Every structure is written in structure tokens, then in C-alpha cells.
C-alpha atoms as a PDB file:
ATOM      1  CA  MET A   1     -29.343  18.328   1.003  1.00  0.00           C
ATOM      2  CA  PHE A   2     -25.642  17.368   0.929  1.00  0.00           C
ATOM      3  CA  GLU A   3     -24.294  14.273   2.580  1.00  0.00           C
ATOM      4  CA  ASN A   4     -21.256  14.712   4.787  1.00  0.00           C
ATOM      5  CA  ILE A   5     -18.465  14.499   2.201  1.00  0.00           C
ATOM      6  CA  ALA A   6     -15.707  15.428   4.639  1.00  0.00           C
ATOM      7  CA  GLU A   7     -13.670  12.431   5.696  1.00  0.00           C
ATOM      8  CA  PRO A   8     -11.851  13.320   8.919  1.00  0.00           C
ATOM      9  CA  HIS A   9      -9.746  10.139   8.861  1.00  0.00           C
ATOM     10  CA  ASP A  10      -8.683  10.764   5.265  1.00  0.00           C
ATOM     11  CA  PRO A  11      -7.784  14.450   5.108  1.00  0.00           C
ATOM     12  CA  LEU A  12      -7.106  16.417   1.952  1.00  0.00           C
ATOM     13  CA  TYR A  13      -3.659  17.933   1.479  1.00  0.00           C
ATOM     14  CA  SER A  14      -2.675  20.752  -0.840  1.00  0.00           C
ATOM     15  CA  ARG A  15       0.023  19.935  -3.380  1.00  0.00           C
ATOM     16  CA  LYS A  16       2.626  21.598  -1.145  1.00  0.00           C
ATOM     17  CA  GLU A  17       1.428  19.680   1.924  1.00  0.00           C
ATOM     18  CA  ALA A  18       1.313  16.425  -0.081  1.00  0.00           C
ATOM     19  CA  ALA A  19       4.899  16.910  -1.240  1.00  0.00           C
ATOM     20  CA  ARG A  20       5.984  17.569   2.351  1.00  0.00           C
ATOM     21  CA  TYR A  21       4.127  14.461   3.568  1.00  0.00           C
ATOM     22  CA  LEU A  22       5.750  12.195   0.946  1.00  0.00           C
ATOM     23  CA  THR A  23       9.152  13.690   1.760  1.00  0.00           C
ATOM     24  CA  GLU A  24       8.610  12.968   5.463  1.00  0.00           C
ATOM     25  CA  LEU A  25       7.814   9.344   4.550  1.00  0.00           C
ATOM     26  CA  GLY A  26      11.179   9.145   2.770  1.00  0.00           C
ATOM     27  CA  LEU A  27      10.206   9.870  -0.843  1.00  0.00           C
ATOM     28  CA  GLU A  28      11.719  13.271  -1.508  1.00  0.00           C
ATOM     29  CA  THR A  29       9.117  15.093  -3.584  1.00  0.00           C
ATOM     30  CA  ALA A  30       8.597  18.698  -4.665  1.00  0.00           C
ATOM     31  CA  PRO A  31       5.197  20.244  -5.408  1.00  0.00           C
ATOM     32  CA  GLN A  32       6.326  20.768  -9.015  1.00  0.00           C
ATOM     33  CA  THR A  33       7.067  17.041  -9.272  1.00  0.00           C
ATOM     34  CA  LEU A  34       3.519  16.201  -8.166  1.00  0.00           C
ATOM     35  CA  ALA A  35       2.168  18.644 -10.757  1.00  0.00           C
ATOM     36  CA  ARG A  36       4.262  17.030 -13.500  1.00  0.00           C
ATOM     37  CA  LYS A  37       3.311  13.513 -12.421  1.00  0.00           C
ATOM     38  CA  PHE A  38      -0.378  14.514 -12.420  1.00  0.00           C
ATOM     39  CA  HIS A  39       0.013  15.796 -15.972  1.00  0.00           C
ATOM     40  CA  GLU A  40       1.777  12.565 -17.002  1.00  0.00           C
ATOM     41  CA  GLY A  41      -0.688  10.356 -15.124  1.00  0.00           C
ATOM     42  CA  THR A  42       2.087   8.691 -13.110  1.00  0.00           C
ATOM     43  CA  GLY A  43       1.591  10.194  -9.646  1.00  0.00           C
ATOM     44  CA  PRO A  44      -0.831   9.701  -6.788  1.00  0.00           C
ATOM     45  CA  LEU A  45      -4.546  10.142  -7.347  1.00  0.00           C
ATOM     46  CA  CYS A  46      -5.540  13.787  -7.237  1.00  0.00           C
ATOM     47  CA  THR A  47      -8.844  15.571  -6.837  1.00  0.00           C
ATOM     48  CA  HIS A  48      -9.753  19.214  -7.187  1.00  0.00           C
ATOM     49  CA  VAL A  49     -11.571  21.562  -4.875  1.00  0.00           C
ATOM     50  CA  ALA A  50     -12.593  24.357  -7.184  1.00  0.00           C
ATOM     51  CA  ASP A  51      -9.363  24.843  -9.170  1.00  0.00           C
ATOM     52  CA  ARG A  52      -7.002  23.694  -6.411  1.00  0.00           C
ATOM     53  CA  ALA A  53      -5.308  20.290  -6.664  1.00  0.00           C
ATOM     54  CA  MET A  54      -5.781  18.255  -3.490  1.00  0.00           C
ATOM     55  CA  TYR A  55      -4.530  14.833  -2.414  1.00  0.00           C
ATOM     56  CA  ARG A  56      -6.163  12.436   0.051  1.00  0.00           C
ATOM     57  CA  LYS A  57      -3.829  10.963   2.650  1.00  0.00           C
ATOM     58  CA  SER A  58      -4.908   7.423   1.720  1.00  0.00           C
ATOM     59  CA  HIS A  59      -3.974   8.062  -1.924  1.00  0.00           C
ATOM     60  CA  LEU A  60      -0.568   9.408  -0.912  1.00  0.00           C
ATOM     61  CA  ASP A  61       0.021   6.340   1.281  1.00  0.00           C
ATOM     62  CA  ALA A  62      -0.981   4.026  -1.586  1.00  0.00           C
ATOM     63  CA  TYR A  63       1.334   5.861  -4.000  1.00  0.00           C
ATOM     64  CA  PHE A  64       4.203   5.687  -1.512  1.00  0.00           C
ATOM     65  CA  SER A  65       3.725   1.942  -1.113  1.00  0.00           C
ATOM     66  CA  THR A  66       4.102   1.490  -4.893  1.00  0.00           C
ATOM     67  CA  GLN A  67       7.462   3.271  -4.752  1.00  0.00           C
ATOM     68  CA  VAL A  68       8.954   1.056  -2.013  1.00  0.00           C
ATOM     69  CA  SER A  69      10.631  -2.226  -2.900  1.00  0.00           C
ATOM     70  CA  ALA A  70      10.861  -5.340  -0.790  1.00  0.00           C
ATOM     71  CA  PRO A  71      14.204  -5.794   1.004  1.00  0.00           C
ATOM     72  CA  ARG A  72      17.000  -7.441  -1.011  1.00  0.00           C
ATOM     73  CA  ARG A  73      20.247  -9.074   0.081  1.00  0.00           C
ATOM     74  CA  SER A  74      22.136  -8.044  -3.049  1.00  0.00           C
ATOM     75  CA  SER A  75      21.930  -5.605  -5.936  1.00  0.00           C
ATOM     76  CA  SER A  76      21.932  -8.651  -8.231  1.00  0.00           C
ATOM     77  CA  GLU A  77      18.481  -9.613  -6.934  1.00  0.00           C
ATOM     78  CA  PRO A  78      15.632  -8.089  -8.939  1.00  0.00           C
ATOM     79  CA  ARG A  79      13.550  -5.441  -7.219  1.00  0.00           C
ATOM     80  CA  LYS A  80      10.112  -6.580  -6.184  1.00  0.00           C
ATOM     81  CA  PRO A  81       7.273  -4.417  -4.912  1.00  0.00           C
ATOM     82  CA  ALA A  82       7.040  -4.446  -1.129  1.00  0.00           C
ATOM     83  CA  ARG A  83       3.473  -5.768  -1.406  1.00  0.00           C
ATOM     84  CA  GLU A  84       4.689  -9.076  -2.887  1.00  0.00           C
ATOM     85  CA  GLN A  85       6.824  -9.682   0.181  1.00  0.00           C
ATOM     86  CA  ALA A  86       3.754  -9.893   2.408  1.00  0.00           C
ATOM     87  CA  SER A  87       2.267 -12.663   0.274  1.00  0.00           C
ATOM     88  CA  ALA A  88       5.557 -14.581  -0.091  1.00  0.00           C
END
């Protein structure tokens, strides 16, 4: 009846676990910050299981990559997304 919707290589994290994961990557984040960013529409993609907010690891990784800039030699250089560096 139901297809296998579980994705073992893309686990779901609770808001608390997601905040811990982002913090471990280097983006210090609190669960309350994720809740606020969800409300504002500025955070990582979020899904719900019943009434519980959950975050896929791939969405957290994608969000983190948007927060990281490419390396710069000086503060006078404009910040560029890290993704542009790969194509340059």
C-alpha cells in the first residue's frame, strides 16, 4: 500500500538534532533560531511528521553551503558564495 518513504541515507533530524548538526559543522545554531528562520522562510527546508518539525540531512547540508563564503585574501574583497569558487 505505501511505498518505502524512509530514506536511510538522508535521515530526518528533530529541530534540536538539526541545530546540533549545524553547530558541529561550524554554524552555531540554536533550536529556537531554526524555529524563527522557519517562520521567516529564511532557514533550511523543513518537513513535519505529525506536528513535529523535522529536517533532512541533505537540506541541512544545502543550507550550510549557502552560509559559507569562498575564501578571500582581504576584507576589502567582496564575499562570494563558496559555490561560485568551484566554477571559477
